[in-house]
Amino acid sequence: MVTLLDTLKDTRPRHPEKQHRPDQPVLKKPDWIRVRASTSAVFTETKNIVKENNLVTVCEEAGCPNIGECWSKKHATMMIMGDTCTRACAFCNVRTGKPDALDPDEPENVAKAVAKLALKHVVITSVDRDDLDDGGAQHIADTILAIRATSPETTIEVLTPDFLRKNGALEIVVKAKPDVFNHNIETVPGHYLTVRPGARYYHSIRLLERVKELDPTMFTKSGLMVGFGETRNEVLQLMDDLRSAGVDFLTIGQYLQPTKKHHKIDRFITPDEFKSFETAAYSKGFLLVSSSPLTRSSYHADEDFARLRLAREKQIAVN
């Protein structure tokens, strides 16, 4: 899948399912949310490598606020299986619609980019592909194997769709043995109908639990956005649900509204509140917690993976 879009696609709205919705006010960001754009030479080099290998990144497609910092360190999260998602989540800025066919060369192109960037740790995410019989599971597995072949020392983290109603898909990905299996829970169950209508909360919890059943040694990870209007008790209950599923690593970040047509922000959570969530999550037994306004699933993923392994080693030593 190439990053450059054809003329026909450019004439279509990025989110056709949201066009009929009334505009929602976009709140002014507080000082602790503001970030600066990067103009560094390394940022430009990373951008060129992405373009030369015809890759899509979630950093660009989702409008991540950390792109300047991450790309200046040659950290880019590859988004495979195209730039068009079959879901219509109310929070997401990734294009929605009917996707193109899978690019059979994409796994090799991703592997080449990982090698050129000399990544020690890579995060591979994807759009939802409900149009595919396996939800794209084999394509994800092929990408993992291609990276292993060219960069055997690189650790691999996958951020997968939920494979809803795709029997056997999860098993295909786990069999390819990524080092970290990440699937984001996104929000508390009470907000699923409005925030994540195409997904099912308890299916996502069960998906993460099933990974541990298939491979107890595999690290599991999940991410949550706050600022939709959830209560503290709802967040704490979500933490308990994830721990019941054996999840090792939790990320919590501020929801940022991409456009007036997206779900509105209820409020900006303060840094002190994020610190409080971190303390609570550690008390519940997570091996690692990243909780801050600008935290995203793949933010500082390489450093966090090293910390995650160390935390497990310490846990094993104590037990």
Protein backbone atom coordinates (compact mmCIF):
# COMPACT_ATOMS: atom_id res chain seq x y z
CA MET A 1 0.00 0.00 0.00
CA VAL A 2 1.53 3.31 -1.04
CA THR A 3 1.26 6.44 1.02
CA LEU A 4 0.38 8.62 -1.99
CA LEU A 5 -3.34 8.41 -2.66
CA ASP A 6 -4.94 8.25 -6.09
CA THR A 7 -7.02 11.14 -7.42
CA LEU A 8 -10.35 9.37 -6.86
CA LYS A 9 -9.62 8.76 -3.21
CA ASP A 10 -8.51 12.34 -2.68
CA THR A 11 -11.93 13.64 -3.76
CA ARG A 12 -13.73 11.57 -1.13
CA PRO A 13 -14.19 12.74 2.46
CA ARG A 14 -11.73 11.13 4.87
CA HIS A 15 -14.57 10.10 7.18
CA PRO A 16 -17.77 9.82 5.09
CA GLU A 17 -19.68 8.25 7.99
CA LYS A 18 -19.11 11.37 10.11
CA GLN A 19 -20.21 14.01 7.58
CA HIS A 20 -23.82 14.10 8.78
CA ARG A 21 -22.84 14.62 12.42
CA PRO A 22 -23.20 18.06 13.99
CA ASP A 23 -19.96 19.89 14.69
CA GLN A 24 -18.53 19.41 18.16
CA PRO A 25 -16.54 22.20 19.83
CA VAL A 26 -12.80 21.58 19.88
CA LEU A 27 -11.46 22.61 23.28
CA LYS A 28 -8.31 24.68 23.57
CA LYS A 29 -5.39 22.53 24.66
CA PRO A 30 -3.83 23.26 28.04
CA ASP A 31 -0.12 24.03 28.30
CA TRP A 32 0.79 20.47 29.27
CA ILE A 33 -0.54 19.13 25.95
CA ARG A 34 1.33 21.45 23.59
CA VAL A 35 4.19 20.02 21.48
CA ARG A 36 6.53 21.55 18.94
CA ALA A 37 7.01 20.37 15.37
CA SER A 38 10.43 18.96 14.50
CA THR A 39 12.64 20.14 11.66
CA SER A 40 15.66 17.97 12.52
CA ALA A 41 17.73 16.19 9.87
CA VAL A 42 16.95 12.81 11.46
CA PHE A 43 13.22 13.54 11.25
CA THR A 44 13.61 14.21 7.51
CA GLU A 45 15.71 11.07 7.07
CA THR A 46 13.04 8.94 8.77
CA LYS A 47 10.34 10.51 6.61
CA ASN A 48 12.33 9.73 3.46
CA ILE A 49 12.86 6.07 4.45
CA VAL A 50 9.13 5.69 5.06
CA LYS A 51 8.34 7.22 1.67
CA GLU A 52 10.99 5.28 -0.26
CA ASN A 53 9.57 1.97 1.00
CA ASN A 54 5.96 2.91 0.20
CA LEU A 55 4.94 2.62 3.84
CA VAL A 56 2.03 4.03 5.80
CA THR A 57 2.62 5.05 9.43
CA VAL A 58 0.08 5.47 12.19
CA CYS A 59 2.18 8.44 13.28
CA GLU A 60 0.94 10.36 10.22
CA GLU A 61 -2.46 8.78 9.66
CA ALA A 62 -3.66 9.18 13.25
CA GLY A 63 -2.09 12.62 13.68
CA CYS A 64 0.04 11.57 16.65
CA PRO A 65 1.29 14.57 18.67
CA ASN A 66 4.61 12.82 19.34
CA ILE A 67 5.67 12.38 15.71
CA GLY A 68 8.33 15.09 15.90
CA GLU A 69 10.05 13.55 18.91
CA CYS A 70 9.77 9.94 17.75
CA TRP A 71 10.85 10.45 14.14
CA SER A 72 13.81 12.52 15.32
CA LYS A 73 14.93 9.31 17.06
CA LYS A 74 14.17 7.14 13.99
CA HIS A 75 11.18 5.62 15.77
CA ALA A 76 8.22 5.13 13.43
CA THR A 77 5.21 2.88 13.92
CA MET A 78 4.41 1.06 10.69
CA MET A 79 0.72 0.75 9.82
CA ILE A 80 0.21 -2.19 7.49
CA MET A 81 -2.68 -3.41 5.32
CA GLY A 82 -3.34 0.02 3.83
CA ASP A 83 -4.46 3.44 4.97
CA THR A 84 -8.21 2.76 4.96
CA CYS A 85 -10.05 1.14 7.87
CA THR A 86 -13.33 -0.77 7.70
CA ARG A 87 -14.37 0.48 11.13
CA ALA A 88 -15.71 3.93 12.01
CA CYS A 89 -14.55 4.62 15.55
CA ALA A 90 -15.64 8.04 16.75
CA PHE A 91 -12.20 8.98 18.07
CA CYS A 92 -9.94 7.89 15.21
CA ASN A 93 -8.47 10.01 12.41
CA VAL A 94 -7.48 7.10 10.15
CA ARG A 95 -9.36 7.13 6.82
CA THR A 96 -12.47 4.94 6.68
CA GLY A 97 -14.07 3.24 3.69
CA LYS A 98 -13.51 0.28 1.37
CA PRO A 99 -9.81 -0.74 1.49
CA ASP A 100 -7.66 -1.76 -1.46
CA ALA A 101 -6.30 -5.29 -1.85
CA LEU A 102 -3.35 -6.23 0.33
CA ASP A 103 0.09 -5.43 -1.05
CA PRO A 104 2.01 -8.75 -1.19
CA ASP A 105 5.32 -6.85 -1.11
CA GLU A 106 4.47 -4.96 2.06
CA PRO A 107 5.99 -7.41 4.59
CA GLU A 108 9.34 -7.24 2.77
CA ASN A 109 9.14 -3.44 2.43
CA VAL A 110 8.50 -3.09 6.15
CA ALA A 111 11.44 -5.40 6.90
CA LYS A 112 13.71 -3.30 4.66
CA ALA A 113 12.66 -0.10 6.42
CA VAL A 114 13.26 -1.65 9.85
CA ALA A 115 16.77 -2.63 8.74
CA LYS A 116 17.52 0.84 7.29
CA LEU A 117 16.33 2.53 10.46
CA ALA A 118 18.40 0.05 12.50
CA LEU A 119 15.54 -0.37 14.95
CA LYS A 120 16.15 -2.32 18.13
CA HIS A 121 12.40 -2.51 18.72
CA VAL A 122 9.64 -2.03 16.16
CA VAL A 123 5.89 -1.55 16.54
CA ILE A 124 3.66 -2.87 13.76
CA THR A 125 0.03 -1.81 13.79
CA SER A 126 -2.73 -1.99 11.20
CA VAL A 127 -6.13 -0.79 10.15
CA ASP A 128 -9.11 -3.04 10.82
CA ARG A 129 -9.77 -5.29 7.82
CA ASP A 130 -13.20 -6.78 8.42
CA ASP A 131 -13.35 -7.46 4.67
CA LEU A 132 -10.70 -10.20 4.93
CA ASP A 133 -11.54 -13.75 6.01
CA ASP A 134 -8.80 -13.73 8.65
CA GLY A 135 -8.92 -10.01 9.41
CA GLY A 136 -5.38 -9.74 8.04
CA ALA A 137 -3.84 -12.11 10.57
CA GLN A 138 -1.66 -13.92 8.04
CA HIS A 139 -0.39 -10.61 6.64
CA ILE A 140 0.61 -9.54 10.14
CA ALA A 141 2.34 -12.89 10.68
CA ASP A 142 4.16 -12.58 7.34
CA THR A 143 5.42 -9.13 8.37
CA ILE A 144 6.73 -10.49 11.66
CA LEU A 145 8.56 -13.31 9.86
CA ALA A 146 10.03 -10.93 7.25
CA ILE A 147 11.46 -8.71 9.99
CA ARG A 148 12.88 -11.73 11.81
CA ALA A 149 14.65 -12.81 8.60
CA THR A 150 16.39 -9.47 8.00
CA SER A 151 16.74 -8.12 11.56
CA PRO A 152 16.89 -11.12 13.90
CA GLU A 153 17.99 -9.02 16.88
CA THR A 154 15.07 -6.60 16.58
CA THR A 155 12.24 -7.15 19.05
CA ILE A 156 8.75 -6.91 17.59
CA GLU A 157 5.56 -5.49 19.04
CA VAL A 158 2.25 -5.86 17.22
CA LEU A 159 -0.79 -3.69 17.85
CA THR A 160 -3.60 -5.74 16.35
CA PRO A 161 -7.28 -5.40 15.47
CA ASP A 162 -9.75 -7.37 17.59
CA PHE A 163 -10.34 -10.09 14.93
CA LEU A 164 -14.04 -10.00 15.77
CA ARG A 165 -15.80 -13.04 14.24
CA LYS A 166 -12.50 -14.21 12.65
CA ASN A 167 -12.07 -17.71 14.05
CA GLY A 168 -8.46 -18.86 14.17
CA ALA A 169 -7.01 -15.45 13.31
CA LEU A 170 -5.52 -14.74 16.72
CA GLU A 171 -3.75 -18.09 16.72
CA ILE A 172 -2.00 -17.22 13.43
CA VAL A 173 -0.49 -14.04 14.91
CA VAL A 174 0.54 -15.63 18.22
CA LYS A 175 2.19 -18.53 16.34
CA ALA A 176 4.45 -16.00 14.57
CA LYS A 177 5.77 -15.11 18.07
CA PRO A 178 5.89 -11.32 18.37
CA ASP A 179 7.66 -10.24 21.55
CA VAL A 180 4.71 -8.07 22.61
CA PHE A 181 1.05 -8.55 21.69
CA ASN A 182 -0.81 -5.27 22.05
CA HIS A 183 -4.52 -4.73 21.58
CA ASN A 184 -6.01 -1.47 22.79
CA ILE A 185 -9.15 -1.51 24.92
CA GLU A 186 -9.46 2.25 24.13
CA THR A 187 -12.24 3.23 26.57
CA VAL A 188 -14.46 2.00 29.41
CA PRO A 189 -17.37 -0.33 28.49
CA GLY A 190 -20.02 2.34 29.06
CA HIS A 191 -18.64 4.40 26.15
CA TYR A 192 -18.28 1.61 23.58
CA LEU A 193 -21.56 2.29 21.77
CA THR A 194 -20.59 5.89 21.04
CA VAL A 195 -16.77 5.72 20.93
CA ARG A 196 -16.04 2.27 19.50
CA PRO A 197 -19.36 1.01 18.03
CA GLY A 198 -17.85 -1.66 15.79
CA ALA A 199 -16.06 -3.39 18.67
CA ARG A 200 -17.12 -5.32 21.78
CA TYR A 201 -15.48 -4.61 25.14
CA TYR A 202 -15.56 -8.13 26.55
CA HIS A 203 -14.40 -9.62 23.25
CA SER A 204 -11.28 -7.43 23.49
CA ILE A 205 -10.71 -8.50 27.09
CA ARG A 206 -11.09 -12.14 26.07
CA LEU A 207 -8.71 -11.67 23.13
CA LEU A 208 -5.96 -10.52 25.47
CA GLU A 209 -6.70 -13.35 27.90
CA ARG A 210 -6.54 -15.87 25.03
CA VAL A 211 -3.04 -14.69 24.06
CA LYS A 212 -1.79 -15.68 27.51
CA GLU A 213 -3.50 -19.06 27.22
CA LEU A 214 -1.78 -19.70 23.89
CA ASP A 215 1.64 -18.46 25.03
CA PRO A 216 2.04 -17.57 28.73
CA THR A 217 5.54 -16.16 28.06
CA MET A 218 4.34 -13.54 25.58
CA PHE A 219 4.04 -9.99 26.93
CA THR A 220 0.56 -8.51 26.54
CA LYS A 221 -0.25 -4.84 26.46
CA SER A 222 -3.31 -2.63 26.18
CA GLY A 223 -4.02 1.08 25.94
CA LEU A 224 -6.74 3.38 27.26
CA MET A 225 -7.71 6.94 26.35
CA VAL A 226 -9.29 9.20 28.95
CA GLY A 227 -11.23 12.41 28.51
CA PHE A 228 -14.48 10.99 27.10
CA GLY A 229 -16.36 11.56 30.35
CA GLU A 230 -15.48 8.30 32.11
CA THR A 231 -15.38 8.24 35.91
CA ARG A 232 -12.36 7.27 37.98
CA ASN A 233 -14.15 4.16 39.25
CA GLU A 234 -14.84 3.06 35.67
CA VAL A 235 -11.13 3.35 34.88
CA LEU A 236 -10.20 1.39 37.99
CA GLN A 237 -12.67 -1.37 37.04
CA LEU A 238 -11.18 -1.51 33.55
CA MET A 239 -7.75 -2.00 35.12
CA ASP A 240 -9.13 -4.94 37.11
CA ASP A 241 -10.61 -6.46 33.93
CA LEU A 242 -7.26 -6.21 32.14
CA ARG A 243 -5.39 -7.71 35.08
CA SER A 244 -7.89 -10.58 35.20
CA ALA A 245 -6.91 -11.22 31.58
CA GLY A 246 -3.24 -11.28 32.58
CA VAL A 247 -2.23 -8.05 30.79
CA ASP A 248 1.32 -7.00 31.67
CA PHE A 249 1.58 -3.43 30.40
CA LEU A 250 -1.00 -0.62 30.47
CA THR A 251 -0.78 2.73 28.69
CA ILE A 252 -3.09 5.64 29.52
CA GLY A 253 -3.20 8.86 27.50
CA GLN A 254 -5.38 11.90 26.85
CA TYR A 255 -7.92 11.68 24.03
CA LEU A 256 -7.34 14.48 21.53
CA GLN A 257 -10.20 15.35 19.18
CA PRO A 258 -8.96 15.27 15.54
CA THR A 259 -11.80 17.34 13.97
CA LYS A 260 -15.16 18.91 14.79
CA LYS A 261 -16.87 15.78 13.44
CA HIS A 262 -15.14 13.46 15.91
CA HIS A 263 -16.24 12.62 19.44
CA LYS A 264 -15.93 15.64 21.69
CA ILE A 265 -13.49 15.90 24.56
CA ASP A 266 -15.29 16.00 27.89
CA ARG A 267 -12.26 17.45 29.65
CA PHE A 268 -8.46 17.43 29.80
CA ILE A 269 -7.12 15.16 32.53
CA THR A 270 -4.40 16.81 34.61
CA PRO A 271 -0.87 15.40 34.96
CA ASP A 272 -1.54 14.76 38.66
CA GLU A 273 -4.57 12.62 37.76
CA PHE A 274 -2.48 10.63 35.30
CA LYS A 275 0.09 10.04 38.04
CA SER A 276 -2.70 8.83 40.30
CA PHE A 277 -3.85 6.36 37.63
CA GLU A 278 -0.28 5.09 37.33
CA THR A 279 -0.05 4.50 41.09
CA ALA A 280 -3.37 2.65 41.10
CA ALA A 281 -2.38 0.47 38.12
CA TYR A 282 0.89 -0.58 39.71
CA SER A 283 -0.97 -1.47 42.91
CA LYS A 284 -3.15 -3.83 40.86
CA GLY A 285 -0.15 -5.77 39.59
CA PHE A 286 0.76 -4.47 36.13
CA LEU A 287 4.44 -5.02 35.36
CA LEU A 288 4.67 -1.66 33.62
CA VAL A 289 2.45 1.42 33.38
CA SER A 290 2.84 4.49 31.17
CA SER A 291 0.33 7.17 32.14
CA SER A 292 0.62 10.78 30.97
CA PRO A 293 -1.29 13.24 28.77
CA LEU A 294 0.84 12.48 25.69
CA THR A 295 1.22 8.74 26.24
CA ARG A 296 0.35 6.68 23.16
CA SER A 297 0.58 2.92 22.57
CA SER A 298 3.93 3.08 20.79
CA TYR A 299 5.39 6.14 22.55
CA HIS A 300 8.86 5.25 23.92
CA ALA A 301 8.09 1.62 23.03
CA ASP A 302 11.75 0.60 22.76
CA GLU A 303 12.72 1.94 26.18
CA ASP A 304 9.51 0.56 27.67
CA PHE A 305 10.19 -2.92 26.31
CA ALA A 306 13.57 -2.97 28.09
CA ARG A 307 11.83 -1.88 31.30
CA LEU A 308 9.14 -4.52 30.79
CA ARG A 309 11.69 -7.34 30.51
CA LEU A 310 13.52 -6.07 33.57
CA ALA A 311 10.27 -5.93 35.56
CA ARG A 312 9.50 -9.55 34.69
CA GLU A 313 13.01 -10.65 35.67
CA LYS A 314 12.62 -8.94 39.03
CA GLN A 315 9.21 -10.55 39.51
CA ILE A 316 10.59 -14.00 38.76
CA ALA A 317 13.51 -13.42 41.13
CA VAL A 318 11.15 -12.47 43.98
CA ASN A 319 8.87 -15.45 43.37
